[in-house]
Amino acid sequence: MSDVTIWAAFGAGIASFISPCCLPLYPSYLSYITGVSVSDLKSEHPGKVVRIRTMSHTFFFILGFSVVYYTLGYGTNAFAELFSEYQTLIRQLSAVLIILMGLILMGLIQPKLLLREMKIPLKTNRSGYFASFIFGIGFSAGWSPCTGPILASILLMAASEPGTWFQLTTAYALGFAIPFFVLAFFIGSTRWIVRYSAIMMKIGGAVMLLMGVLLFTDRMTKITIWLNTITPDWLKF
């Protein structure tokens, strides 16, 4: 597992967060789990109590979706280890699917089935941190046309290299969680990100396309070794 691959997973988490079908909805998500109105969340100067409440509920919301991510990562790793004798085939199939997901994010292909949102409807009484935790599970336990291909690509990368699932899942979850905390704290000053989220998603799709090609041709290791030689020590894990 190279540092470059981990940073790629971290970037994938950020890309999932800023996806155009999720980012505009986060104020509504935060309003739902905290009980604070969207107008109060979007105000330029939210009160201290609002910030504390938003941050604390966000923490439990993040714990909820992290449970799903780690479960998926562990299951993917178990599958890859079970069929370890077919590792080359798994790597090539994973690469083809990553290329497919990259093309979807770039908008070059649009399969109707994968462009539908499929979520598990979990209802809570909207009170308490446990409700925020459950809502986080419901948020991540499904498929959306923006975040689904990105998460699938991370899981496919883990399948292509058994034993890396924990590092990749952690990097992805942190990439998603950190900007979520930033948004929860600076909720009134992040609207400009929405304007550029579609462009960022296309760039992310292009990166996934490149990584898929490198993985299929088994050049990923050579590229990451070279990148590690030029990466500053303070950027390495």
C-alpha atoms as a PDB file:
ATOM      1  CA  MET A   1       0.000   0.000   0.000  1.00  0.00           C
ATOM      2  CA  SER A   2       1.573   3.246  -1.166  1.00  0.00           C
ATOM      3  CA  ASP A   3       1.086   6.695   0.319  1.00  0.00           C
ATOM      4  CA  VAL A   4      -0.072   7.925  -3.088  1.00  0.00           C
ATOM      5  CA  THR A   5      -2.893   5.359  -3.182  1.00  0.00           C
ATOM      6  CA  ILE A   6      -4.017   6.368   0.297  1.00  0.00           C
ATOM      7  CA  TRP A   7      -4.056  10.032  -0.698  1.00  0.00           C
ATOM      8  CA  ALA A   8      -6.082   9.056  -3.772  1.00  0.00           C
ATOM      9  CA  ALA A   9      -8.637   7.405  -1.473  1.00  0.00           C
ATOM     10  CA  PHE A  10      -8.669  10.520   0.706  1.00  0.00           C
ATOM     11  CA  GLY A  11      -9.295  12.646  -2.385  1.00  0.00           C
ATOM     12  CA  ALA A  12     -12.087  10.274  -3.393  1.00  0.00           C
ATOM     13  CA  GLY A  13     -13.765  10.931  -0.057  1.00  0.00           C
ATOM     14  CA  ILE A  14     -13.593  14.670  -0.677  1.00  0.00           C
ATOM     15  CA  ALA A  15     -14.978  14.149  -4.193  1.00  0.00           C
ATOM     16  CA  SER A  16     -17.915  12.219  -2.729  1.00  0.00           C
ATOM     17  CA  PHE A  17     -18.619  15.043  -0.313  1.00  0.00           C
ATOM     18  CA  ILE A  18     -18.635  17.784  -2.947  1.00  0.00           C
ATOM     19  CA  SER A  19     -20.653  15.784  -5.483  1.00  0.00           C
ATOM     20  CA  PRO A  20     -23.474  17.871  -7.016  1.00  0.00           C
ATOM     21  CA  CYS A  21     -26.185  15.443  -5.933  1.00  0.00           C
ATOM     22  CA  CYS A  22     -25.091  15.583  -2.268  1.00  0.00           C
ATOM     23  CA  LEU A  23     -23.465  18.920  -1.430  1.00  0.00           C
ATOM     24  CA  PRO A  24     -26.570  21.109  -1.953  1.00  0.00           C
ATOM     25  CA  LEU A  25     -28.547  18.795   0.354  1.00  0.00           C
ATOM     26  CA  TYR A  26     -26.215  18.903   3.365  1.00  0.00           C
ATOM     27  CA  PRO A  27     -27.873  21.928   5.008  1.00  0.00           C
ATOM     28  CA  SER A  28     -31.135  19.958   4.929  1.00  0.00           C
ATOM     29  CA  TYR A  29     -29.380  16.887   6.352  1.00  0.00           C
ATOM     30  CA  LEU A  30     -27.889  18.969   9.159  1.00  0.00           C
ATOM     31  CA  SER A  31     -31.240  20.586   9.831  1.00  0.00           C
ATOM     32  CA  TYR A  32     -32.880  17.165  10.047  1.00  0.00           C
ATOM     33  CA  ILE A  33     -30.413  15.626  12.507  1.00  0.00           C
ATOM     34  CA  THR A  34     -30.053  18.726  14.704  1.00  0.00           C
ATOM     35  CA  GLY A  35     -33.572  20.128  14.607  1.00  0.00           C
ATOM     36  CA  VAL A  36     -32.139  23.565  13.739  1.00  0.00           C
ATOM     37  CA  SER A  37     -33.842  25.371  10.857  1.00  0.00           C
ATOM     38  CA  VAL A  38     -32.023  25.639   7.530  1.00  0.00           C
ATOM     39  CA  SER A  39     -32.207  29.443   7.693  1.00  0.00           C
ATOM     40  CA  ASP A  40     -30.419  29.435  11.058  1.00  0.00           C
ATOM     41  CA  LEU A  41     -27.776  27.052   9.731  1.00  0.00           C
ATOM     42  CA  LYS A  42     -27.183  29.222   6.661  1.00  0.00           C
ATOM     43  CA  SER A  43     -26.984  32.480   8.563  1.00  0.00           C
ATOM     44  CA  GLU A  44     -23.680  34.322   8.268  1.00  0.00           C
ATOM     45  CA  HIS A  45     -23.216  34.354  12.047  1.00  0.00           C
ATOM     46  CA  PRO A  46     -24.801  31.248  13.615  1.00  0.00           C
ATOM     47  CA  GLY A  47     -24.815  31.260  17.398  1.00  0.00           C
ATOM     48  CA  LYS A  48     -22.392  29.294  19.563  1.00  0.00           C
ATOM     49  CA  VAL A  49     -25.126  26.900  20.691  1.00  0.00           C
ATOM     50  CA  VAL A  50     -26.056  26.198  17.062  1.00  0.00           C
ATOM     51  CA  ARG A  51     -22.428  25.476  16.154  1.00  0.00           C
ATOM     52  CA  ILE A  52     -21.905  23.112  19.125  1.00  0.00           C
ATOM     53  CA  ARG A  53     -25.137  21.277  18.424  1.00  0.00           C
ATOM     54  CA  THR A  54     -24.360  20.986  14.722  1.00  0.00           C
ATOM     55  CA  MET A  55     -20.813  19.734  15.289  1.00  0.00           C
ATOM     56  CA  SER A  56     -21.794  17.155  17.921  1.00  0.00           C
ATOM     57  CA  HIS A  57     -24.630  15.697  15.850  1.00  0.00           C
ATOM     58  CA  THR A  58     -22.380  15.684  12.794  1.00  0.00           C
ATOM     59  CA  PHE A  59     -19.874  13.552  14.702  1.00  0.00           C
ATOM     60  CA  PHE A  60     -22.459  10.838  15.387  1.00  0.00           C
ATOM     61  CA  PHE A  61     -23.765  11.108  11.831  1.00  0.00           C
ATOM     62  CA  ILE A  62     -20.224  10.450  10.572  1.00  0.00           C
ATOM     63  CA  LEU A  63     -19.869   7.474  12.913  1.00  0.00           C
ATOM     64  CA  GLY A  64     -23.019   6.044  11.371  1.00  0.00           C
ATOM     65  CA  PHE A  65     -21.875   6.167   7.763  1.00  0.00           C
ATOM     66  CA  SER A  66     -18.357   5.045   8.733  1.00  0.00           C
ATOM     67  CA  VAL A  67     -19.806   1.806  10.119  1.00  0.00           C
ATOM     68  CA  VAL A  68     -21.279   1.058   6.687  1.00  0.00           C
ATOM     69  CA  TYR A  69     -18.048   1.939   4.870  1.00  0.00           C
ATOM     70  CA  TYR A  70     -15.914  -0.284   7.107  1.00  0.00           C
ATOM     71  CA  THR A  71     -18.402  -3.137   6.780  1.00  0.00           C
ATOM     72  CA  LEU A  72     -18.280  -2.896   2.987  1.00  0.00           C
ATOM     73  CA  GLY A  73     -14.489  -2.666   3.046  1.00  0.00           C
ATOM     74  CA  TYR A  74     -14.135  -5.732   5.250  1.00  0.00           C
ATOM     75  CA  GLY A  75     -16.562  -7.719   3.099  1.00  0.00           C
ATOM     76  CA  THR A  76     -14.689  -6.765  -0.068  1.00  0.00           C
ATOM     77  CA  ASN A  77     -11.392  -7.828   1.469  1.00  0.00           C
ATOM     78  CA  ALA A  78     -12.849 -11.164   2.606  1.00  0.00           C
ATOM     79  CA  PHE A  79     -14.079 -11.816  -0.941  1.00  0.00           C
ATOM     80  CA  ALA A  80     -10.680 -10.959  -2.441  1.00  0.00           C
ATOM     81  CA  GLU A  81      -8.828 -13.227  -0.003  1.00  0.00           C
ATOM     82  CA  LEU A  82     -11.270 -16.085  -0.649  1.00  0.00           C
ATOM     83  CA  PHE A  83     -10.457 -15.966  -4.353  1.00  0.00           C
ATOM     84  CA  SER A  84      -6.801 -14.987  -3.980  1.00  0.00           C
ATOM     85  CA  GLU A  85      -5.719 -17.477  -6.651  1.00  0.00           C
ATOM     86  CA  TYR A  86      -7.618 -15.367  -9.184  1.00  0.00           C
ATOM     87  CA  GLN A  87      -5.974 -12.122  -8.067  1.00  0.00           C
ATOM     88  CA  THR A  88      -4.881 -11.098 -11.561  1.00  0.00           C
ATOM     89  CA  LEU A  89      -8.401 -11.559 -12.901  1.00  0.00           C
ATOM     90  CA  ILE A  90      -9.871  -9.656  -9.935  1.00  0.00           C
ATOM     91  CA  ARG A  91      -7.404  -6.815 -10.537  1.00  0.00           C
ATOM     92  CA  GLN A  92      -8.314  -6.570 -14.224  1.00  0.00           C
ATOM     93  CA  LEU A  93     -12.066  -6.771 -13.599  1.00  0.00           C
ATOM     94  CA  SER A  94     -11.727  -4.145 -10.863  1.00  0.00           C
ATOM     95  CA  ALA A  95      -9.811  -1.903 -13.272  1.00  0.00           C
ATOM     96  CA  VAL A  96     -12.515  -2.238 -15.943  1.00  0.00           C
ATOM     97  CA  LEU A  97     -15.224  -1.326 -13.417  1.00  0.00           C
ATOM     98  CA  ILE A  98     -13.195   1.645 -12.126  1.00  0.00           C
ATOM     99  CA  ILE A  99     -12.883   2.884 -15.726  1.00  0.00           C
ATOM    100  CA  LEU A 100     -16.650   2.471 -16.092  1.00  0.00           C
ATOM    101  CA  MET A 101     -17.281   4.470 -12.902  1.00  0.00           C
ATOM    102  CA  GLY A 102     -14.918   7.192 -14.109  1.00  0.00           C
ATOM    103  CA  LEU A 103     -16.793   7.457 -17.413  1.00  0.00           C
ATOM    104  CA  ILE A 104     -20.075   7.754 -15.510  1.00  0.00           C
ATOM    105  CA  LEU A 105     -18.754  10.606 -13.333  1.00  0.00           C
ATOM    106  CA  MET A 106     -17.417  12.381 -16.438  1.00  0.00           C
ATOM    107  CA  GLY A 107     -20.869  12.110 -17.994  1.00  0.00           C
ATOM    108  CA  LEU A 108     -19.605  10.209 -21.042  1.00  0.00           C
ATOM    109  CA  ILE A 109     -21.918   7.277 -20.389  1.00  0.00           C
ATOM    110  CA  GLN A 110     -25.180   7.363 -18.471  1.00  0.00           C
ATOM    111  CA  PRO A 111     -26.605   3.921 -17.670  1.00  0.00           C
ATOM    112  CA  LYS A 112     -30.112   4.460 -16.354  1.00  0.00           C
ATOM    113  CA  LEU A 113     -29.818   1.792 -13.676  1.00  0.00           C
ATOM    114  CA  LEU A 114     -26.729   3.370 -12.075  1.00  0.00           C
ATOM    115  CA  LEU A 115     -28.131   6.894 -12.356  1.00  0.00           C
ATOM    116  CA  ARG A 116     -31.012   6.044 -10.052  1.00  0.00           C
ATOM    117  CA  GLU A 117     -30.734   6.752  -6.343  1.00  0.00           C
ATOM    118  CA  MET A 118     -31.371   3.765  -4.103  1.00  0.00           C
ATOM    119  CA  LYS A 119     -31.386   4.375  -0.359  1.00  0.00           C
ATOM    120  CA  ILE A 120     -32.569   2.443   2.667  1.00  0.00           C
ATOM    121  CA  PRO A 121     -35.363   4.524   4.259  1.00  0.00           C
ATOM    122  CA  LEU A 122     -34.595   4.744   7.968  1.00  0.00           C
ATOM    123  CA  LYS A 123     -37.021   6.768  10.058  1.00  0.00           C
ATOM    124  CA  THR A 124     -36.022   8.247  13.399  1.00  0.00           C
ATOM    125  CA  ASN A 125     -37.700  10.473  15.932  1.00  0.00           C
ATOM    126  CA  ARG A 126     -35.083  13.155  15.173  1.00  0.00           C
ATOM    127  CA  SER A 127     -34.037  13.361  18.815  1.00  0.00           C
ATOM    128  CA  GLY A 128     -30.719  12.475  20.330  1.00  0.00           C
ATOM    129  CA  TYR A 129     -27.335  11.448  19.086  1.00  0.00           C
ATOM    130  CA  PHE A 130     -28.410   7.865  18.458  1.00  0.00           C
ATOM    131  CA  ALA A 131     -30.898   9.164  15.887  1.00  0.00           C
ATOM    132  CA  SER A 132     -28.060  11.013  14.130  1.00  0.00           C
ATOM    133  CA  PHE A 133     -26.021   7.791  14.166  1.00  0.00           C
ATOM    134  CA  ILE A 134     -28.898   5.813  12.597  1.00  0.00           C
ATOM    135  CA  PHE A 135     -29.476   8.532  10.016  1.00  0.00           C
ATOM    136  CA  GLY A 136     -25.796   8.309   9.071  1.00  0.00           C
ATOM    137  CA  ILE A 137     -26.250   4.586   8.424  1.00  0.00           C
ATOM    138  CA  GLY A 138     -29.281   5.277   6.249  1.00  0.00           C
ATOM    139  CA  PHE A 139     -27.390   7.987   4.380  1.00  0.00           C
ATOM    140  CA  SER A 140     -24.576   5.652   3.327  1.00  0.00           C
ATOM    141  CA  ALA A 141     -26.429   2.339   3.014  1.00  0.00           C
ATOM    142  CA  GLY A 142     -27.475   2.719  -0.585  1.00  0.00           C
ATOM    143  CA  TRP A 143     -26.460   3.978  -3.999  1.00  0.00           C
ATOM    144  CA  SER A 144     -26.438   7.482  -5.438  1.00  0.00           C
ATOM    145  CA  PRO A 145     -25.297   8.366  -8.969  1.00  0.00           C
ATOM    146  CA  CYS A 146     -22.519  10.615  -7.624  1.00  0.00           C
ATOM    147  CA  THR A 147     -21.077   8.966  -4.530  1.00  0.00           C
ATOM    148  CA  GLY A 148     -21.828   5.363  -5.529  1.00  0.00           C
ATOM    149  CA  PRO A 149     -19.258   5.127  -8.356  1.00  0.00           C
ATOM    150  CA  ILE A 150     -16.559   6.748  -6.203  1.00  0.00           C
ATOM    151  CA  LEU A 151     -17.060   4.453  -3.211  1.00  0.00           C
ATOM    152  CA  ALA A 152     -17.304   1.460  -5.551  1.00  0.00           C
ATOM    153  CA  SER A 153     -13.931   2.397  -7.040  1.00  0.00           C
ATOM    154  CA  ILE A 154     -12.296   2.480  -3.603  1.00  0.00           C
ATOM    155  CA  LEU A 155     -13.745  -0.932  -2.768  1.00  0.00           C
ATOM    156  CA  LEU A 156     -12.535  -2.280  -6.120  1.00  0.00           C
ATOM    157  CA  MET A 157      -9.038  -0.964  -5.390  1.00  0.00           C
ATOM    158  CA  ALA A 158      -9.165  -2.784  -2.059  1.00  0.00           C
ATOM    159  CA  ALA A 159     -10.285  -5.970  -3.838  1.00  0.00           C
ATOM    160  CA  SER A 160      -7.355  -5.733  -6.241  1.00  0.00           C
ATOM    161  CA  GLU A 161      -4.905  -5.682  -3.313  1.00  0.00           C
ATOM    162  CA  PRO A 162      -6.143  -7.745  -0.323  1.00  0.00           C
ATOM    163  CA  GLY A 163      -5.123  -6.427   3.074  1.00  0.00           C
ATOM    164  CA  THR A 164      -5.418  -2.748   2.115  1.00  0.00           C
ATOM    165  CA  TRP A 165      -9.123  -2.329   2.880  1.00  0.00           C
ATOM    166  CA  PHE A 166      -8.666  -0.716   6.304  1.00  0.00           C
ATOM    167  CA  GLN A 167      -6.222   1.966   5.128  1.00  0.00           C
ATOM    168  CA  LEU A 168      -8.281   2.765   2.029  1.00  0.00           C
ATOM    169  CA  THR A 169     -11.578   2.846   3.919  1.00  0.00           C
ATOM    170  CA  THR A 170     -10.115   5.056   6.649  1.00  0.00           C
ATOM    171  CA  ALA A 171      -8.649   7.472   4.108  1.00  0.00           C
ATOM    172  CA  TYR A 172     -11.947   7.619   2.216  1.00  0.00           C
ATOM    173  CA  ALA A 173     -13.988   8.133   5.401  1.00  0.00           C
ATOM    174  CA  LEU A 174     -11.641  10.926   6.552  1.00  0.00           C
ATOM    175  CA  GLY A 175     -11.849  12.572   3.141  1.00  0.00           C
ATOM    176  CA  PHE A 176     -15.604  12.647   3.534  1.00  0.00           C
ATOM    177  CA  ALA A 177     -15.728  13.483   7.243  1.00  0.00           C
ATOM    178  CA  ILE A 178     -13.251  16.368   7.443  1.00  0.00           C
ATOM    179  CA  PRO A 179     -15.010  18.660   4.928  1.00  0.00           C
ATOM    180  CA  PHE A 180     -18.320  17.659   6.522  1.00  0.00           C
ATOM    181  CA  PHE A 181     -17.051  19.025   9.848  1.00  0.00           C
ATOM    182  CA  VAL A 182     -15.820  22.156   8.071  1.00  0.00           C
ATOM    183  CA  LEU A 183     -19.238  22.635   6.491  1.00  0.00           C
ATOM    184  CA  ALA A 184     -20.951  22.086   9.838  1.00  0.00           C
ATOM    185  CA  PHE A 185     -18.797  24.826  11.376  1.00  0.00           C
ATOM    186  CA  PHE A 186     -18.806  27.294   8.465  1.00  0.00           C
ATOM    187  CA  ILE A 187     -22.238  26.427   7.135  1.00  0.00           C
ATOM    188  CA  GLY A 188     -22.982  29.986   6.056  1.00  0.00           C
ATOM    189  CA  SER A 189     -19.836  30.538   3.987  1.00  0.00           C
ATOM    190  CA  THR A 190     -19.516  27.428   1.810  1.00  0.00           C
ATOM    191  CA  ARG A 191     -22.204  28.091  -0.797  1.00  0.00           C
ATOM    192  CA  TRP A 192     -19.612  28.891  -3.474  1.00  0.00           C
ATOM    193  CA  ILE A 193     -18.467  25.241  -3.518  1.00  0.00           C
ATOM    194  CA  VAL A 194     -21.794  24.203  -5.036  1.00  0.00           C
ATOM    195  CA  ARG A 195     -21.038  26.223  -8.188  1.00  0.00           C
ATOM    196  CA  TYR A 196     -17.889  24.210  -8.910  1.00  0.00           C
ATOM    197  CA  SER A 197     -18.933  20.760  -7.664  1.00  0.00           C
ATOM    198  CA  ALA A 198     -19.926  19.474 -11.131  1.00  0.00           C
ATOM    199  CA  ILE A 199     -16.533  20.450 -12.579  1.00  0.00           C
ATOM    200  CA  MET A 200     -14.726  18.858  -9.641  1.00  0.00           C
ATOM    201  CA  MET A 201     -16.672  15.650 -10.188  1.00  0.00           C
ATOM    202  CA  LYS A 202     -15.599  15.492 -13.846  1.00  0.00           C
ATOM    203  CA  ILE A 203     -11.973  15.975 -12.801  1.00  0.00           C
ATOM    204  CA  GLY A 204     -12.386  13.196 -10.262  1.00  0.00           C
ATOM    205  CA  GLY A 205     -13.853  10.968 -12.972  1.00  0.00           C
ATOM    206  CA  ALA A 206     -10.826  11.613 -15.181  1.00  0.00           C
ATOM    207  CA  VAL A 207      -8.488  10.647 -12.316  1.00  0.00           C
ATOM    208  CA  MET A 208     -10.461   7.439 -11.774  1.00  0.00           C
ATOM    209  CA  LEU A 209     -10.211   6.686 -15.490  1.00  0.00           C
ATOM    210  CA  LEU A 210      -6.429   7.078 -15.364  1.00  0.00           C
ATOM    211  CA  MET A 211      -6.114   4.915 -12.240  1.00  0.00           C
ATOM    212  CA  GLY A 212      -8.256   2.231 -13.847  1.00  0.00           C
ATOM    213  CA  VAL A 213      -5.974   2.086 -16.886  1.00  0.00           C
ATOM    214  CA  LEU A 214      -2.874   1.929 -14.680  1.00  0.00           C
ATOM    215  CA  LEU A 215      -4.420  -0.815 -12.574  1.00  0.00           C
ATOM    216  CA  PHE A 216      -5.430  -2.894 -15.617  1.00  0.00           C
ATOM    217  CA  THR A 217      -1.968  -2.664 -17.163  1.00  0.00           C
ATOM    218  CA  ASP A 218      -0.373  -3.374 -13.761  1.00  0.00           C
ATOM    219  CA  ARG A 219       1.490  -0.064 -13.923  1.00  0.00           C
ATOM    220  CA  MET A 220       0.006   1.300 -10.712  1.00  0.00           C
ATOM    221  CA  THR A 221       2.867  -0.008  -8.565  1.00  0.00           C
ATOM    222  CA  LYS A 222       5.572   1.473 -10.794  1.00  0.00           C
ATOM    223  CA  ILE A 223       3.818   4.852 -10.948  1.00  0.00           C
ATOM    224  CA  THR A 224       3.259   5.008  -7.186  1.00  0.00           C
ATOM    225  CA  ILE A 225       6.888   4.044  -6.490  1.00  0.00           C
ATOM    226  CA  TRP A 226       8.030   6.909  -8.705  1.00  0.00           C
ATOM    227  CA  LEU A 227       5.577   9.353  -7.114  1.00  0.00           C
ATOM    228  CA  ASN A 228       6.764   8.302  -3.665  1.00  0.00           C
ATOM    229  CA  THR A 229      10.319   9.255  -4.604  1.00  0.00           C
ATOM    230  CA  ILE A 230       9.236  12.832  -5.382  1.00  0.00           C
ATOM    231  CA  THR A 231       6.720  13.195  -2.536  1.00  0.00           C
ATOM    232  CA  PRO A 232       7.922  15.308   0.421  1.00  0.00           C
ATOM    233  CA  ASP A 233       8.267  13.447   3.713  1.00  0.00           C
ATOM    234  CA  TRP A 234       5.643  15.632   5.402  1.00  0.00           C
ATOM    235  CA  LEU A 235       3.027  14.351   2.931  1.00  0.00           C
ATOM    236  CA  LYS A 236       3.759  10.703   3.677  1.00  0.00           C
ATOM    237  CA  PHE A 237       1.894   8.633   6.258  1.00  0.00           C
END
